[in-house]
Amino acid sequence: MGRPGESTLLQVMHNLCPQCGAEARTALKVGDINRGISHAEFEYLRCSACATLFLKNVPADLGRYYPSEYYVLAESENELAISARPEQYKIDLVRKFKDEGRLIEVGPASGSFCYLAKQAGFQVMAIEMDRRCSEFLAEKLKIDVVNSADEAAALENAPPADVIALWHVIEHLVDPWSMLETAARKLRSGGVLVLAAPNPYALQFRLFGRRWAHIDAPRHLWLIPPEVLAKRAERLGLRVRLITALDKGSIGWNRFGWQHSLRNRFRTPIARRIASLIGRIMAIVAHPFETIGGRGAAYTIVLQKP
């Protein structure tokens, strides 16, 4: 992922929030529970003013926390078409606000959304840091791909867009605020920016704390409250069209959170399988509580340029 600007680094070093500049305090310390790639401990700070959480000690070798198996690539376009079906809700959501034009996805990984967007008639472009994913998208889907770990700079050099999508990407960026500013500039009039991210107000976070799977240290560098993104975007001239934790994707992340947060408490395969089963049951039981008051594990926000 792209490195932050000097001012952002200085703020983090002095326990100041890079989003608003207020004092930030230690919220939790946790290792790489989800993947166990290292034994390092990571410290997250919470802003005393805007409640944004961010990772203080971003590893200099952050790329190694994204091993090759992190990305599962289809063997063919036909296989991708099948695997993309569960993500149809994404393109359906986009088309409620914009149904044609140039679409740029930042962080497409295995390319399901890019495939669906191309099938829907959009002119698709992708910005992806992983070389294998970039090659797959270019060779199998025949779309324009920029392989870069400096996503904001790559977007700055891209043509103007009618849709820019970041599906669970902004939490991975070292400097999400530069990305937000760049996206606001690159959108054409009437264009939409679609973002999905983990929700720091999640019921699961309150229950599991540092063991919540959606912390995903150190890959998730930020947990940004939805209203913080909305206010920042409004200052950049974007209008909030939707904030929800009830779309199909967000509800799916609820189930993931229960299963994996419980699995993370165990080490033996049989115990982890049992925990995963219990997690599926808990997701059903907790559903009524996670669908009220913005307490789901993730949220989706749609912003539009006037």
C-alpha atoms as a PDB file:
ATOM      1  CA  MET A   1       0.000   0.000   0.000  1.00  0.00           C
ATOM      2  CA  GLY A   2       1.136   3.539  -0.645  1.00  0.00           C
ATOM      3  CA  ARG A   3       3.072   5.305   2.083  1.00  0.00           C
ATOM      4  CA  PRO A   4       1.525   8.322   3.810  1.00  0.00           C
ATOM      5  CA  GLY A   5       2.639  11.916   3.468  1.00  0.00           C
ATOM      6  CA  GLU A   6       5.162  13.352   5.908  1.00  0.00           C
ATOM      7  CA  SER A   7       2.516  15.317   7.809  1.00  0.00           C
ATOM      8  CA  THR A   8       0.434  12.164   8.361  1.00  0.00           C
ATOM      9  CA  LEU A   9       3.472  10.276   9.670  1.00  0.00           C
ATOM     10  CA  LEU A  10       4.294  13.075  12.088  1.00  0.00           C
ATOM     11  CA  GLN A  11       0.735  13.146  13.400  1.00  0.00           C
ATOM     12  CA  VAL A  12       0.703   9.395  14.019  1.00  0.00           C
ATOM     13  CA  MET A  13       4.107   9.522  15.726  1.00  0.00           C
ATOM     14  CA  HIS A  14       2.800  12.186  18.121  1.00  0.00           C
ATOM     15  CA  ASN A  15      -0.477  10.347  18.824  1.00  0.00           C
ATOM     16  CA  LEU A  16      -2.524  12.833  16.826  1.00  0.00           C
ATOM     17  CA  CYS A  17      -5.402  11.810  14.573  1.00  0.00           C
ATOM     18  CA  PRO A  18      -4.471  12.214  10.887  1.00  0.00           C
ATOM     19  CA  GLN A  19      -8.153  12.778  10.132  1.00  0.00           C
ATOM     20  CA  CYS A  20      -8.882  15.724  12.440  1.00  0.00           C
ATOM     21  CA  GLY A  21      -5.657  16.447  14.344  1.00  0.00           C
ATOM     22  CA  ALA A  22      -7.093  15.751  17.807  1.00  0.00           C
ATOM     23  CA  GLU A  23      -5.327  13.721  20.474  1.00  0.00           C
ATOM     24  CA  ALA A  24      -5.551   9.950  20.093  1.00  0.00           C
ATOM     25  CA  ARG A  25      -5.128   7.325  22.808  1.00  0.00           C
ATOM     26  CA  THR A  26      -4.359   3.613  22.786  1.00  0.00           C
ATOM     27  CA  ALA A  27      -7.534   1.633  22.137  1.00  0.00           C
ATOM     28  CA  LEU A  28      -6.127  -1.887  21.832  1.00  0.00           C
ATOM     29  CA  LYS A  29      -3.019  -3.954  21.133  1.00  0.00           C
ATOM     30  CA  VAL A  30      -3.241  -7.145  19.117  1.00  0.00           C
ATOM     31  CA  GLY A  31      -1.211  -9.478  16.940  1.00  0.00           C
ATOM     32  CA  ASP A  32      -2.018 -10.932  13.527  1.00  0.00           C
ATOM     33  CA  ILE A  33      -4.764 -13.168  14.905  1.00  0.00           C
ATOM     34  CA  ASN A  34      -6.417 -13.879  11.562  1.00  0.00           C
ATOM     35  CA  ARG A  35      -3.342 -15.166   9.698  1.00  0.00           C
ATOM     36  CA  GLY A  36      -0.471 -15.463  12.189  1.00  0.00           C
ATOM     37  CA  ILE A  37       2.137 -14.241   9.724  1.00  0.00           C
ATOM     38  CA  SER A  38       4.274 -12.749  12.500  1.00  0.00           C
ATOM     39  CA  HIS A  39       4.394 -12.558  16.300  1.00  0.00           C
ATOM     40  CA  ALA A  40       4.508  -8.746  16.287  1.00  0.00           C
ATOM     41  CA  GLU A  41       2.037  -6.746  18.352  1.00  0.00           C
ATOM     42  CA  PHE A  42       0.188  -3.850  16.763  1.00  0.00           C
ATOM     43  CA  GLU A  43      -1.187  -0.805  18.549  1.00  0.00           C
ATOM     44  CA  TYR A  44      -4.394   0.912  17.495  1.00  0.00           C
ATOM     45  CA  LEU A  45      -5.191   4.439  18.616  1.00  0.00           C
ATOM     46  CA  ARG A  46      -8.661   5.975  18.897  1.00  0.00           C
ATOM     47  CA  CYS A  47      -9.191   9.678  18.227  1.00  0.00           C
ATOM     48  CA  SER A  48     -10.688  11.468  21.232  1.00  0.00           C
ATOM     49  CA  ALA A  49     -12.709  13.753  18.937  1.00  0.00           C
ATOM     50  CA  CYS A  50     -13.893  11.827  15.851  1.00  0.00           C
ATOM     51  CA  ALA A  51     -13.561   8.254  17.230  1.00  0.00           C
ATOM     52  CA  THR A  52     -11.543   7.062  14.216  1.00  0.00           C
ATOM     53  CA  LEU A  53      -9.266   4.105  15.015  1.00  0.00           C
ATOM     54  CA  PHE A  54      -5.929   3.770  13.266  1.00  0.00           C
ATOM     55  CA  LEU A  55      -2.816   1.624  13.452  1.00  0.00           C
ATOM     56  CA  LYS A  56       0.110   3.440  15.012  1.00  0.00           C
ATOM     57  CA  ASN A  57       2.971   1.108  14.095  1.00  0.00           C
ATOM     58  CA  VAL A  58       2.351   0.320  10.429  1.00  0.00           C
ATOM     59  CA  PRO A  59       4.940  -2.314   9.432  1.00  0.00           C
ATOM     60  CA  ALA A  60       7.580  -1.161   6.975  1.00  0.00           C
ATOM     61  CA  ASP A  61       7.170  -4.560   5.277  1.00  0.00           C
ATOM     62  CA  LEU A  62       3.379  -4.389   5.099  1.00  0.00           C
ATOM     63  CA  GLY A  63       3.356  -6.248   1.776  1.00  0.00           C
ATOM     64  CA  ARG A  64       4.413  -9.520   3.395  1.00  0.00           C
ATOM     65  CA  TYR A  65       1.139  -9.592   5.327  1.00  0.00           C
ATOM     66  CA  TYR A  66      -0.600 -10.165   1.985  1.00  0.00           C
ATOM     67  CA  PRO A  67       0.706 -13.645   1.033  1.00  0.00           C
ATOM     68  CA  SER A  68      -0.091 -15.179  -2.350  1.00  0.00           C
ATOM     69  CA  GLU A  69      -2.971 -17.230  -0.919  1.00  0.00           C
ATOM     70  CA  TYR A  70      -4.647 -13.978   0.183  1.00  0.00           C
ATOM     71  CA  TYR A  71      -5.954 -13.697  -3.393  1.00  0.00           C
ATOM     72  CA  VAL A  72      -7.901 -16.588  -4.918  1.00  0.00           C
ATOM     73  CA  LEU A  73      -7.929 -16.296  -8.698  1.00  0.00           C
ATOM     74  CA  ALA A  74     -10.288 -18.080 -11.066  1.00  0.00           C
ATOM     75  CA  GLU A  75      -8.872 -20.393 -13.698  1.00  0.00           C
ATOM     76  CA  SER A  76     -10.950 -18.832 -16.461  1.00  0.00           C
ATOM     77  CA  GLU A  77     -13.501 -16.129 -17.197  1.00  0.00           C
ATOM     78  CA  ASN A  78     -16.270 -18.735 -16.984  1.00  0.00           C
ATOM     79  CA  GLU A  79     -15.160 -19.712 -13.496  1.00  0.00           C
ATOM     80  CA  LEU A  80     -15.023 -16.045 -12.551  1.00  0.00           C
ATOM     81  CA  ALA A  81     -18.574 -15.559 -13.829  1.00  0.00           C
ATOM     82  CA  ILE A  82     -19.775 -18.273 -11.450  1.00  0.00           C
ATOM     83  CA  SER A  83     -17.809 -16.999  -8.456  1.00  0.00           C
ATOM     84  CA  ALA A  84     -19.028 -13.439  -9.105  1.00  0.00           C
ATOM     85  CA  ARG A  85     -22.716 -14.274  -8.713  1.00  0.00           C
ATOM     86  CA  PRO A  86     -22.827 -13.596  -4.940  1.00  0.00           C
ATOM     87  CA  GLU A  87     -21.519 -10.079  -5.646  1.00  0.00           C
ATOM     88  CA  GLN A  88     -24.305  -9.134  -8.049  1.00  0.00           C
ATOM     89  CA  TYR A  89     -25.718  -6.866  -5.341  1.00  0.00           C
ATOM     90  CA  LYS A  90     -22.735  -4.534  -5.820  1.00  0.00           C
ATOM     91  CA  ILE A  91     -23.415  -3.709  -9.434  1.00  0.00           C
ATOM     92  CA  ASP A  92     -27.158  -3.557  -8.716  1.00  0.00           C
ATOM     93  CA  LEU A  93     -26.445  -0.919  -6.064  1.00  0.00           C
ATOM     94  CA  VAL A  94     -24.194   1.106  -8.364  1.00  0.00           C
ATOM     95  CA  ARG A  95     -26.769   1.103 -11.164  1.00  0.00           C
ATOM     96  CA  LYS A  96     -29.334   2.741  -8.877  1.00  0.00           C
ATOM     97  CA  PHE A  97     -27.172   5.857  -9.081  1.00  0.00           C
ATOM     98  CA  LYS A  98     -25.208   5.482 -12.332  1.00  0.00           C
ATOM     99  CA  ASP A  99     -25.791   2.965 -15.094  1.00  0.00           C
ATOM    100  CA  GLU A 100     -23.166   3.820 -17.693  1.00  0.00           C
ATOM    101  CA  GLY A 101     -19.767   5.396 -18.287  1.00  0.00           C
ATOM    102  CA  ARG A 102     -16.234   4.829 -17.058  1.00  0.00           C
ATOM    103  CA  LEU A 103     -15.938   2.800 -13.855  1.00  0.00           C
ATOM    104  CA  ILE A 104     -12.685   2.574 -11.891  1.00  0.00           C
ATOM    105  CA  GLU A 105     -12.320   0.002  -9.155  1.00  0.00           C
ATOM    106  CA  VAL A 106      -9.502   0.458  -6.653  1.00  0.00           C
ATOM    107  CA  GLY A 107      -8.348  -2.846  -5.170  1.00  0.00           C
ATOM    108  CA  PRO A 108     -10.347  -5.303  -7.296  1.00  0.00           C
ATOM    109  CA  ALA A 109      -8.313  -8.344  -6.153  1.00  0.00           C
ATOM    110  CA  SER A 110      -9.716 -11.375  -8.008  1.00  0.00           C
ATOM    111  CA  GLY A 111     -11.928  -9.194 -10.204  1.00  0.00           C
ATOM    112  CA  SER A 112     -15.521 -10.261  -9.506  1.00  0.00           C
ATOM    113  CA  PHE A 113     -16.902  -6.731  -9.430  1.00  0.00           C
ATOM    114  CA  CYS A 114     -14.854  -5.682 -12.466  1.00  0.00           C
ATOM    115  CA  TYR A 115     -16.335  -8.610 -14.353  1.00  0.00           C
ATOM    116  CA  LEU A 116     -19.897  -7.695 -13.356  1.00  0.00           C
ATOM    117  CA  ALA A 117     -19.333  -4.028 -14.218  1.00  0.00           C
ATOM    118  CA  LYS A 118     -17.998  -4.950 -17.654  1.00  0.00           C
ATOM    119  CA  GLN A 119     -20.964  -7.252 -18.258  1.00  0.00           C
ATOM    120  CA  ALA A 120     -23.278  -4.376 -17.260  1.00  0.00           C
ATOM    121  CA  GLY A 121     -21.788  -2.223 -20.008  1.00  0.00           C
ATOM    122  CA  PHE A 122     -19.400  -0.002 -18.066  1.00  0.00           C
ATOM    123  CA  GLN A 123     -15.996   0.926 -19.461  1.00  0.00           C
ATOM    124  CA  VAL A 124     -13.911  -0.657 -16.704  1.00  0.00           C
ATOM    125  CA  MET A 125     -10.488   0.255 -15.364  1.00  0.00           C
ATOM    126  CA  ALA A 126      -8.765  -1.179 -12.287  1.00  0.00           C
ATOM    127  CA  ILE A 127      -5.997  -0.115  -9.901  1.00  0.00           C
ATOM    128  CA  GLU A 128      -4.476  -3.080  -8.074  1.00  0.00           C
ATOM    129  CA  MET A 129      -1.317  -3.499  -6.006  1.00  0.00           C
ATOM    130  CA  ASP A 130      -0.974  -7.276  -6.446  1.00  0.00           C
ATOM    131  CA  ARG A 131       0.909  -8.263  -9.596  1.00  0.00           C
ATOM    132  CA  ARG A 132      -0.839 -11.640 -10.069  1.00  0.00           C
ATOM    133  CA  CYS A 133      -4.282 -10.080  -9.765  1.00  0.00           C
ATOM    134  CA  SER A 134      -3.317  -7.316 -12.180  1.00  0.00           C
ATOM    135  CA  GLU A 135      -2.096  -9.799 -14.771  1.00  0.00           C
ATOM    136  CA  PHE A 136      -5.256 -11.895 -14.399  1.00  0.00           C
ATOM    137  CA  LEU A 137      -7.525  -8.883 -14.914  1.00  0.00           C
ATOM    138  CA  ALA A 138      -5.602  -7.694 -17.945  1.00  0.00           C
ATOM    139  CA  GLU A 139      -5.232 -11.103 -19.593  1.00  0.00           C
ATOM    140  CA  LYS A 140      -8.555 -12.781 -18.767  1.00  0.00           C
ATOM    141  CA  LEU A 141     -10.927  -9.785 -18.634  1.00  0.00           C
ATOM    142  CA  LYS A 142      -9.090  -7.592 -21.144  1.00  0.00           C
ATOM    143  CA  ILE A 143      -9.490  -4.477 -19.025  1.00  0.00           C
ATOM    144  CA  ASP A 144      -7.097  -1.600 -18.439  1.00  0.00           C
ATOM    145  CA  VAL A 145      -5.182  -2.286 -15.200  1.00  0.00           C
ATOM    146  CA  VAL A 146      -2.649  -0.154 -13.344  1.00  0.00           C
ATOM    147  CA  ASN A 147      -0.447  -2.294 -11.091  1.00  0.00           C
ATOM    148  CA  SER A 148       0.593   0.087  -8.297  1.00  0.00           C
ATOM    149  CA  ALA A 149       0.960   0.203  -4.503  1.00  0.00           C
ATOM    150  CA  ASP A 150       0.389   3.970  -4.625  1.00  0.00           C
ATOM    151  CA  GLU A 151      -3.309   3.817  -5.365  1.00  0.00           C
ATOM    152  CA  ALA A 152      -4.066   7.531  -4.944  1.00  0.00           C
ATOM    153  CA  ALA A 153      -1.299   8.516  -7.365  1.00  0.00           C
ATOM    154  CA  ALA A 154      -2.519   5.937  -9.879  1.00  0.00           C
ATOM    155  CA  LEU A 155      -6.052   7.302  -9.598  1.00  0.00           C
ATOM    156  CA  GLU A 156      -4.757  10.849 -10.025  1.00  0.00           C
ATOM    157  CA  ASN A 157      -3.243   9.822 -13.364  1.00  0.00           C
ATOM    158  CA  ALA A 158      -6.369   7.986 -14.514  1.00  0.00           C
ATOM    159  CA  PRO A 159      -9.012   9.499 -16.814  1.00  0.00           C
ATOM    160  CA  PRO A 160     -12.093  11.119 -15.218  1.00  0.00           C
ATOM    161  CA  ALA A 161     -14.639   8.573 -14.022  1.00  0.00           C
ATOM    162  CA  ASP A 162     -18.385   8.219 -13.646  1.00  0.00           C
ATOM    163  CA  VAL A 163     -18.040   5.600 -10.899  1.00  0.00           C
ATOM    164  CA  ILE A 164     -15.184   4.941  -8.478  1.00  0.00           C
ATOM    165  CA  ALA A 165     -15.553   1.899  -6.234  1.00  0.00           C
ATOM    166  CA  LEU A 166     -13.577   0.805  -3.177  1.00  0.00           C
ATOM    167  CA  TRP A 167     -15.131  -2.354  -1.761  1.00  0.00           C
ATOM    168  CA  HIS A 168     -13.405  -2.912   1.605  1.00  0.00           C
ATOM    169  CA  VAL A 169     -10.247  -1.193   0.448  1.00  0.00           C
ATOM    170  CA  ILE A 170     -10.107   2.138   2.254  1.00  0.00           C
ATOM    171  CA  GLU A 171      -9.304   0.449   5.576  1.00  0.00           C
ATOM    172  CA  HIS A 172      -6.172  -1.016   3.964  1.00  0.00           C
ATOM    173  CA  LEU A 173      -4.779   2.309   2.715  1.00  0.00           C
ATOM    174  CA  VAL A 174      -2.037   4.037   4.665  1.00  0.00           C
ATOM    175  CA  ASP A 175      -3.468   7.419   3.660  1.00  0.00           C
ATOM    176  CA  PRO A 176      -7.198   7.037   2.939  1.00  0.00           C
ATOM    177  CA  TRP A 177      -7.737  10.795   3.066  1.00  0.00           C
ATOM    178  CA  SER A 178      -5.562  11.375  -0.001  1.00  0.00           C
ATOM    179  CA  MET A 179      -7.567   8.698  -1.791  1.00  0.00           C
ATOM    180  CA  LEU A 180     -10.848  10.380  -0.844  1.00  0.00           C
ATOM    181  CA  GLU A 181      -9.610  13.769  -2.069  1.00  0.00           C
ATOM    182  CA  THR A 182      -8.312  12.294  -5.313  1.00  0.00           C
ATOM    183  CA  ALA A 183     -11.550  10.411  -5.952  1.00  0.00           C
ATOM    184  CA  ALA A 184     -13.579  13.585  -5.430  1.00  0.00           C
ATOM    185  CA  ARG A 185     -11.453  15.365  -8.048  1.00  0.00           C
ATOM    186  CA  LYS A 186     -11.562  12.545 -10.592  1.00  0.00           C
ATOM    187  CA  LEU A 187     -15.333  12.081 -10.578  1.00  0.00           C
ATOM    188  CA  ARG A 188     -17.258  13.658 -13.411  1.00  0.00           C
ATOM    189  CA  SER A 189     -20.315  15.734 -12.602  1.00  0.00           C
ATOM    190  CA  GLY A 190     -23.034  13.357 -11.446  1.00  0.00           C
ATOM    191  CA  GLY A 191     -20.481  10.615 -10.793  1.00  0.00           C
ATOM    192  CA  VAL A 192     -20.624   8.378  -7.717  1.00  0.00           C
ATOM    193  CA  LEU A 193     -18.058   7.101  -5.238  1.00  0.00           C
ATOM    194  CA  VAL A 194     -18.995   3.826  -3.551  1.00  0.00           C
ATOM    195  CA  LEU A 195     -17.180   2.735  -0.398  1.00  0.00           C
ATOM    196  CA  ALA A 196     -17.619  -0.248   1.911  1.00  0.00           C
ATOM    197  CA  ALA A 197     -15.684  -0.625   5.161  1.00  0.00           C
ATOM    198  CA  PRO A 198     -15.681  -2.299   8.601  1.00  0.00           C
ATOM    199  CA  ASN A 199     -17.862  -0.544  11.155  1.00  0.00           C
ATOM    200  CA  PRO A 200     -16.193   0.589  14.416  1.00  0.00           C
ATOM    201  CA  TYR A 201     -19.677   0.838  15.977  1.00  0.00           C
ATOM    202  CA  ALA A 202     -20.315  -2.865  15.377  1.00  0.00           C
ATOM    203  CA  LEU A 203     -21.988  -4.921  18.077  1.00  0.00           C
ATOM    204  CA  GLN A 204     -19.367  -7.599  17.419  1.00  0.00           C
ATOM    205  CA  PHE A 205     -16.551  -5.173  18.163  1.00  0.00           C
ATOM    206  CA  ARG A 206     -18.088  -4.401  21.543  1.00  0.00           C
ATOM    207  CA  LEU A 207     -18.353  -8.109  22.328  1.00  0.00           C
ATOM    208  CA  PHE A 208     -15.062  -9.449  20.937  1.00  0.00           C
ATOM    209  CA  GLY A 209     -12.832  -6.409  21.399  1.00  0.00           C
ATOM    210  CA  ARG A 210      -9.338  -6.938  20.056  1.00  0.00           C
ATOM    211  CA  ARG A 211     -10.265 -10.464  18.956  1.00  0.00           C
ATOM    212  CA  TRP A 212     -12.839  -9.186  16.480  1.00  0.00           C
ATOM    213  CA  ALA A 213     -11.967 -10.645  13.063  1.00  0.00           C
ATOM    214  CA  HIS A 214     -12.594  -7.333  11.298  1.00  0.00           C
ATOM    215  CA  ILE A 215      -9.699  -5.718  13.164  1.00  0.00           C
ATOM    216  CA  ASP A 216      -7.479  -7.913  10.944  1.00  0.00           C
ATOM    217  CA  ALA A 217      -4.204  -6.443  12.185  1.00  0.00           C
ATOM    218  CA  PRO A 218      -2.056  -5.255  10.550  1.00  0.00           C
ATOM    219  CA  ARG A 219      -3.851  -5.276   7.190  1.00  0.00           C
ATOM    220  CA  HIS A 220      -6.694  -3.069   8.389  1.00  0.00           C
ATOM    221  CA  LEU A 221      -4.989   0.217   9.174  1.00  0.00           C
ATOM    222  CA  TRP A 222      -8.198   2.150   9.816  1.00  0.00           C
ATOM    223  CA  LEU A 223     -11.651   1.708  11.303  1.00  0.00           C
ATOM    224  CA  ILE A 224     -13.467   4.846  10.210  1.00  0.00           C
ATOM    225  CA  PRO A 225     -16.914   5.813  11.542  1.00  0.00           C
ATOM    226  CA  PRO A 226     -19.330   6.287   8.624  1.00  0.00           C
ATOM    227  CA  GLU A 227     -20.206   9.850   9.617  1.00  0.00           C
ATOM    228  CA  VAL A 228     -16.500  10.780   9.522  1.00  0.00           C
ATOM    229  CA  LEU A 229     -16.261   9.655   5.892  1.00  0.00           C
ATOM    230  CA  ALA A 230     -19.530  11.422   5.105  1.00  0.00           C
ATOM    231  CA  LYS A 231     -18.469  14.761   6.628  1.00  0.00           C
ATOM    232  CA  ARG A 232     -15.046  14.628   5.006  1.00  0.00           C
ATOM    233  CA  ALA A 233     -16.634  13.855   1.653  1.00  0.00           C
ATOM    234  CA  GLU A 234     -19.120  16.706   2.003  1.00  0.00           C
ATOM    235  CA  ARG A 235     -16.246  19.126   2.580  1.00  0.00           C
ATOM    236  CA  LEU A 236     -14.824  17.881  -0.715  1.00  0.00           C
ATOM    237  CA  GLY A 237     -18.054  18.733  -2.516  1.00  0.00           C
ATOM    238  CA  LEU A 238     -19.654  15.284  -2.541  1.00  0.00           C
ATOM    239  CA  ARG A 239     -23.234  14.635  -1.501  1.00  0.00           C
ATOM    240  CA  VAL A 240     -24.203  11.645   0.651  1.00  0.00           C
ATOM    241  CA  ARG A 241     -26.783   9.522  -1.178  1.00  0.00           C
ATOM    242  CA  LEU A 242     -26.738   6.435   1.020  1.00  0.00           C
ATOM    243  CA  ILE A 243     -25.262   5.108   4.256  1.00  0.00           C
ATOM    244  CA  THR A 244     -26.378   1.611   5.184  1.00  0.00           C
ATOM    245  CA  ALA A 245     -25.364  -1.470   7.133  1.00  0.00           C
ATOM    246  CA  LEU A 246     -28.304  -3.394   5.685  1.00  0.00           C
ATOM    247  CA  ASP A 247     -27.127  -4.093   2.133  1.00  0.00           C
ATOM    248  CA  LYS A 248     -26.470  -7.713   1.248  1.00  0.00           C
ATOM    249  CA  GLY A 249     -22.702  -7.306   1.489  1.00  0.00           C
ATOM    250  CA  SER A 250     -22.735  -5.744   4.938  1.00  0.00           C
ATOM    251  CA  ILE A 251     -25.040  -8.454   6.259  1.00  0.00           C
ATOM    252  CA  GLY A 252     -22.694 -11.072   4.801  1.00  0.00           C
ATOM    253  CA  TRP A 253     -19.811  -9.535   6.745  1.00  0.00           C
ATOM    254  CA  ASN A 254     -21.875  -9.960   9.919  1.00  0.00           C
ATOM    255  CA  ARG A 255     -21.827 -13.727   9.430  1.00  0.00           C
ATOM    256  CA  PHE A 256     -18.106 -13.675   8.605  1.00  0.00           C
ATOM    257  CA  GLY A 257     -17.409 -11.704  11.788  1.00  0.00           C
ATOM    258  CA  TRP A 258     -19.197 -14.139  14.072  1.00  0.00           C
ATOM    259  CA  GLN A 259     -17.631 -17.215  12.516  1.00  0.00           C
ATOM    260  CA  HIS A 260     -14.061 -16.018  12.346  1.00  0.00           C
ATOM    261  CA  SER A 261     -14.027 -14.148  15.652  1.00  0.00           C
ATOM    262  CA  LEU A 262     -15.071 -17.356  17.396  1.00  0.00           C
ATOM    263  CA  ARG A 263     -12.671 -19.502  15.342  1.00  0.00           C
ATOM    264  CA  ASN A 264      -9.802 -17.233  16.334  1.00  0.00           C
ATOM    265  CA  ARG A 265     -10.184 -18.356  19.946  1.00  0.00           C
ATOM    266  CA  PHE A 266      -9.155 -21.923  19.109  1.00  0.00           C
ATOM    267  CA  ARG A 267      -6.200 -23.642  17.469  1.00  0.00           C
ATOM    268  CA  THR A 268      -7.176 -27.266  16.779  1.00  0.00           C
ATOM    269  CA  PRO A 269      -9.005 -27.937  13.495  1.00  0.00           C
ATOM    270  CA  ILE A 270     -11.991 -29.652  15.122  1.00  0.00           C
ATOM    271  CA  ALA A 271     -12.446 -26.877  17.686  1.00  0.00           C
ATOM    272  CA  ARG A 272     -12.278 -24.273  14.929  1.00  0.00           C
ATOM    273  CA  ARG A 273     -14.892 -26.125  12.874  1.00  0.00           C
ATOM    274  CA  ILE A 274     -17.225 -26.304  15.862  1.00  0.00           C
ATOM    275  CA  ALA A 275     -16.637 -22.619  16.597  1.00  0.00           C
ATOM    276  CA  SER A 276     -17.424 -21.771  12.972  1.00  0.00           C
ATOM    277  CA  LEU A 277     -20.716 -23.680  13.202  1.00  0.00           C
ATOM    278  CA  ILE A 278     -21.610 -21.868  16.420  1.00  0.00           C
ATOM    279  CA  GLY A 279     -20.731 -18.617  14.661  1.00  0.00           C
ATOM    280  CA  ARG A 280     -23.273 -19.341  11.919  1.00  0.00           C
ATOM    281  CA  ILE A 281     -25.926 -19.905  14.570  1.00  0.00           C
ATOM    282  CA  MET A 282     -24.926 -16.738  16.432  1.00  0.00           C
ATOM    283  CA  ALA A 283     -25.218 -14.736  13.200  1.00  0.00           C
ATOM    284  CA  ILE A 284     -28.847 -15.834  12.915  1.00  0.00           C
ATOM    285  CA  VAL A 285     -29.588 -15.099  16.576  1.00  0.00           C
ATOM    286  CA  ALA A 286     -27.864 -11.696  16.482  1.00  0.00           C
ATOM    287  CA  HIS A 287     -29.372 -10.598  13.167  1.00  0.00           C
ATOM    288  CA  PRO A 288     -32.230  -8.535  14.682  1.00  0.00           C
ATOM    289  CA  PHE A 289     -29.764  -6.677  16.930  1.00  0.00           C
ATOM    290  CA  GLU A 290     -27.236  -6.004  14.171  1.00  0.00           C
ATOM    291  CA  THR A 291     -29.801  -4.530  11.813  1.00  0.00           C
ATOM    292  CA  ILE A 292     -30.808  -1.671  14.113  1.00  0.00           C
ATOM    293  CA  GLY A 293     -28.857   1.381  15.202  1.00  0.00           C
ATOM    294  CA  GLY A 294     -26.007   0.945  12.710  1.00  0.00           C
ATOM    295  CA  ARG A 295     -24.438  -1.901  14.701  1.00  0.00           C
ATOM    296  CA  GLY A 296     -23.606  -4.229  11.814  1.00  0.00           C
ATOM    297  CA  ALA A 297     -20.054  -5.394  11.127  1.00  0.00           C
ATOM    298  CA  ALA A 298     -19.710  -3.262   7.988  1.00  0.00           C
ATOM    299  CA  TYR A 299     -21.337  -0.386   6.161  1.00  0.00           C
ATOM    300  CA  THR A 300     -21.654   0.890   2.609  1.00  0.00           C
ATOM    301  CA  ILE A 301     -21.693   4.566   1.665  1.00  0.00           C
ATOM    302  CA  VAL A 302     -22.561   6.126  -1.698  1.00  0.00           C
ATOM    303  CA  LEU A 303     -21.381   9.674  -2.449  1.00  0.00           C
ATOM    304  CA  GLN A 304     -22.268  11.709  -5.529  1.00  0.00           C
ATOM    305  CA  LYS A 305     -20.650  14.694  -7.166  1.00  0.00           C
ATOM    306  CA  PRO A 306     -23.224  17.386  -8.073  1.00  0.00           C
END
